[in-house]
C-alpha atoms as a PDB file:
ATOM      1  CA  UNK A   1      12.518   3.406   8.985  1.00  0.00           C
ATOM      2  CA  UNK A   2      10.107   4.909   6.474  1.00  0.00           C
ATOM      3  CA  UNK A   3       6.537   3.759   5.971  1.00  0.00           C
ATOM      4  CA  UNK A   4       4.551   4.243   2.797  1.00  0.00           C
ATOM      5  CA  UNK A   5       0.938   4.648   3.904  1.00  0.00           C
ATOM      6  CA  UNK A   6      -1.671   4.097   1.190  1.00  0.00           C
ATOM      7  CA  UNK A   7      -5.421   4.483   1.412  1.00  0.00           C
ATOM      8  CA  UNK A   8      -7.511   2.533  -1.073  1.00  0.00           C
ATOM      9  CA  UNK A   9     -11.253   3.177  -1.390  1.00  0.00           C
ATOM     10  CA  UNK A  10     -12.221  -0.104  -3.072  1.00  0.00           C
ATOM     11  CA  UNK A  11     -15.478  -1.268  -4.651  1.00  0.00           C
ATOM     12  CA  UNK A  12     -14.933  -4.950  -3.862  1.00  0.00           C
ATOM     13  CA  UNK A  13     -12.290  -5.960  -1.319  1.00  0.00           C
ATOM     14  CA  UNK A  14     -11.948  -9.554  -2.534  1.00  0.00           C
ATOM     15  CA  UNK A  15     -11.302  -8.480  -6.131  1.00  0.00           C
ATOM     16  CA  UNK A  16      -8.891  -5.719  -5.060  1.00  0.00           C
ATOM     17  CA  UNK A  17      -7.017  -8.221  -2.843  1.00  0.00           C
ATOM     18  CA  UNK A  18      -6.475 -10.552  -5.813  1.00  0.00           C
ATOM     19  CA  UNK A  19      -4.726  -7.747  -7.706  1.00  0.00           C
ATOM     20  CA  UNK A  20      -2.802  -6.700  -4.590  1.00  0.00           C
ATOM     21  CA  UNK A  21      -1.608 -10.275  -4.006  1.00  0.00           C
ATOM     22  CA  UNK A  22      -0.367 -10.519  -7.593  1.00  0.00           C
ATOM     23  CA  UNK A  23       2.121  -7.725  -6.705  1.00  0.00           C
ATOM     24  CA  UNK A  24       1.932  -5.792 -10.018  1.00  0.00           C
ATOM     25  CA  UNK A  25       4.368  -3.065  -8.858  1.00  0.00           C
ATOM     26  CA  UNK A  26       6.949  -5.534  -7.545  1.00  0.00           C
ATOM     27  CA  UNK A  27       6.891  -4.705  -3.843  1.00  0.00           C
ATOM     28  CA  UNK A  28       8.570  -8.040  -3.127  1.00  0.00           C
ATOM     29  CA  UNK A  29      11.665  -6.879  -5.031  1.00  0.00           C
ATOM     30  CA  UNK A  30      11.432  -3.186  -4.080  1.00  0.00           C
ATOM     31  CA  UNK A  31      12.995  -3.412  -0.660  1.00  0.00           C
ATOM     32  CA  UNK A  32       9.746  -3.429   1.304  1.00  0.00           C
ATOM     33  CA  UNK A  33      10.660  -4.967   4.657  1.00  0.00           C
ATOM     34  CA  UNK A  34       7.081  -5.597   5.694  1.00  0.00           C
ATOM     35  CA  UNK A  35       3.593  -5.126   4.318  1.00  0.00           C
ATOM     36  CA  UNK A  36       0.474  -4.723   6.447  1.00  0.00           C
ATOM     37  CA  UNK A  37      -3.093  -4.521   5.154  1.00  0.00           C
ATOM     38  CA  UNK A  38      -5.931  -3.093   7.251  1.00  0.00           C
ATOM     39  CA  UNK A  39      -9.651  -2.700   6.673  1.00  0.00           C
ATOM     40  CA  UNK A  40     -11.712   0.026   8.320  1.00  0.00           C
ATOM     41  CA  UNK A  41     -13.838  -1.633  11.012  1.00  0.00           C
ATOM     42  CA  UNK A  42     -16.828   0.454   9.943  1.00  0.00           C
ATOM     43  CA  UNK A  43     -16.317   0.316   6.171  1.00  0.00           C
ATOM     44  CA  UNK A  44     -14.854  -2.929   4.869  1.00  0.00           C
ATOM     45  CA  UNK A  45     -14.133  -1.339   1.476  1.00  0.00           C
ATOM     46  CA  UNK A  46     -11.837   1.291   2.962  1.00  0.00           C
ATOM     47  CA  UNK A  47      -8.375  -0.313   2.938  1.00  0.00           C
ATOM     48  CA  UNK A  48      -5.081   0.932   4.346  1.00  0.00           C
ATOM     49  CA  UNK A  49      -1.727  -0.552   3.342  1.00  0.00           C
ATOM     50  CA  UNK A  50       1.511   0.134   5.213  1.00  0.00           C
ATOM     51  CA  UNK A  51       4.823  -0.804   3.596  1.00  0.00           C
ATOM     52  CA  UNK A  52       8.066  -0.372   5.541  1.00  0.00           C
ATOM     53  CA  UNK A  53      11.338   0.594   3.834  1.00  0.00           C
ATOM     54  CA  UNK A  54      14.855   1.240   5.129  1.00  0.00           C
ATOM     55  CA  UNK A  55      15.194   4.519   3.232  1.00  0.00           C
ATOM     56  CA  UNK A  56      12.993   7.351   2.053  1.00  0.00           C
ATOM     57  CA  UNK A  57      14.414   6.922  -1.449  1.00  0.00           C
ATOM     58  CA  UNK A  58      13.295   3.280  -1.591  1.00  0.00           C
ATOM     59  CA  UNK A  59       9.764   4.254  -0.487  1.00  0.00           C
ATOM     60  CA  UNK A  60       9.667   7.106  -3.032  1.00  0.00           C
ATOM     61  CA  UNK A  61      10.860   4.921  -5.918  1.00  0.00           C
ATOM     62  CA  UNK A  62       8.273   2.272  -5.079  1.00  0.00           C
ATOM     63  CA  UNK A  63       5.482   4.863  -4.835  1.00  0.00           C
ATOM     64  CA  UNK A  64       6.367   6.247  -8.269  1.00  0.00           C
ATOM     65  CA  UNK A  65       6.400   2.717  -9.723  1.00  0.00           C
ATOM     66  CA  UNK A  66       3.038   2.035  -8.089  1.00  0.00           C
ATOM     67  CA  UNK A  67       1.555   5.206  -9.591  1.00  0.00           C
ATOM     68  CA  UNK A  68       2.859   4.599 -13.101  1.00  0.00           C
ATOM     69  CA  UNK A  69       2.433   0.821 -13.354  1.00  0.00           C
ATOM     70  CA  UNK A  70      -0.732   0.269 -11.315  1.00  0.00           C
ATOM     71  CA  UNK A  71      -2.777   3.352 -10.468  1.00  0.00           C
ATOM     72  CA  UNK A  72      -2.409   4.972 -13.898  1.00  0.00           C
ATOM     73  CA  UNK A  73      -2.948   1.679 -15.734  1.00  0.00           C
ATOM     74  CA  UNK A  74      -6.641   0.769 -16.147  1.00  0.00           C
ATOM     75  CA  UNK A  75      -5.648  -2.712 -17.352  1.00  0.00           C
ATOM     76  CA  UNK A  76      -4.235  -3.443 -13.891  1.00  0.00           C
ATOM     77  CA  UNK A  77      -6.540  -1.627 -11.483  1.00  0.00           C
ATOM     78  CA  UNK A  78      -9.628  -1.518 -13.711  1.00  0.00           C
ATOM     79  CA  UNK A  79     -12.776  -0.432 -11.925  1.00  0.00           C
ATOM     80  CA  UNK A  80     -11.686  -1.712  -8.513  1.00  0.00           C
ATOM     81  CA  UNK A  81     -11.408   1.707  -6.864  1.00  0.00           C
ATOM     82  CA  UNK A  82     -14.268   4.045  -6.007  1.00  0.00           C
ATOM     83  CA  UNK A  83     -11.872   7.035  -5.809  1.00  0.00           C
ATOM     84  CA  UNK A  84      -8.178   7.739  -6.281  1.00  0.00           C
ATOM     85  CA  UNK A  85      -5.791   6.190  -3.761  1.00  0.00           C
ATOM     86  CA  UNK A  86      -3.969   8.448  -1.334  1.00  0.00           C
ATOM     87  CA  UNK A  87      -0.358   8.024  -0.268  1.00  0.00           C
ATOM     88  CA  UNK A  88       2.227   9.568   1.983  1.00  0.00           C
ATOM     89  CA  UNK A  89       5.640   8.619   3.274  1.00  0.00           C
ATOM     90  CA  UNK A  90       6.053   8.665   7.035  1.00  0.00           C
ATOM     91  CA  UNK A  91       9.338   8.680   8.938  1.00  0.00           C
ATOM     92  CA  UNK A  92       9.350   6.746  12.183  1.00  0.00           C
ATOM     93  CA  UNK A  93      10.720   8.932  14.966  1.00  0.00           C
ATOM     94  CA  UNK A  94       9.710   6.952  18.054  1.00  0.00           C
ATOM     95  CA  UNK A  95       8.405   3.522  19.012  1.00  0.00           C
ATOM     96  CA  UNK A  96       7.086   2.241  22.308  1.00  0.00           C
ATOM     97  CA  UNK A  97       5.812  -1.084  23.617  1.00  0.00           C
ATOM     98  CA  UNK A  98       6.790  -3.862  21.245  1.00  0.00           C
ATOM     99  CA  UNK A  99       4.072  -6.481  21.451  1.00  0.00           C
ATOM    100  CA  UNK A 100       5.198 -10.069  21.828  1.00  0.00           C
ATOM    101  CA  UNK A 101       4.443 -12.084  18.689  1.00  0.00           C
END
């Protein structure tokens, strides 16, 4: 499993979330198995998004689409970010203690 970890420093969480929910990069069709959104407990405008993919290639292709269609497009992201997003692809190598849902 590979996880695309993205950090978004946002100006207004509610406005950013509207754009995120509209799925402008097509994560729903990209092979993302799950999507998790977190907010920093001390800074509500510091957002982390984790997207899980079966392969590194799928995560890489989605990240490139995200950069070209969303981050580099002011018509999509506008003035919602206070700084550039950060991203990295993580490979899961161990897992312990599955919590009961």
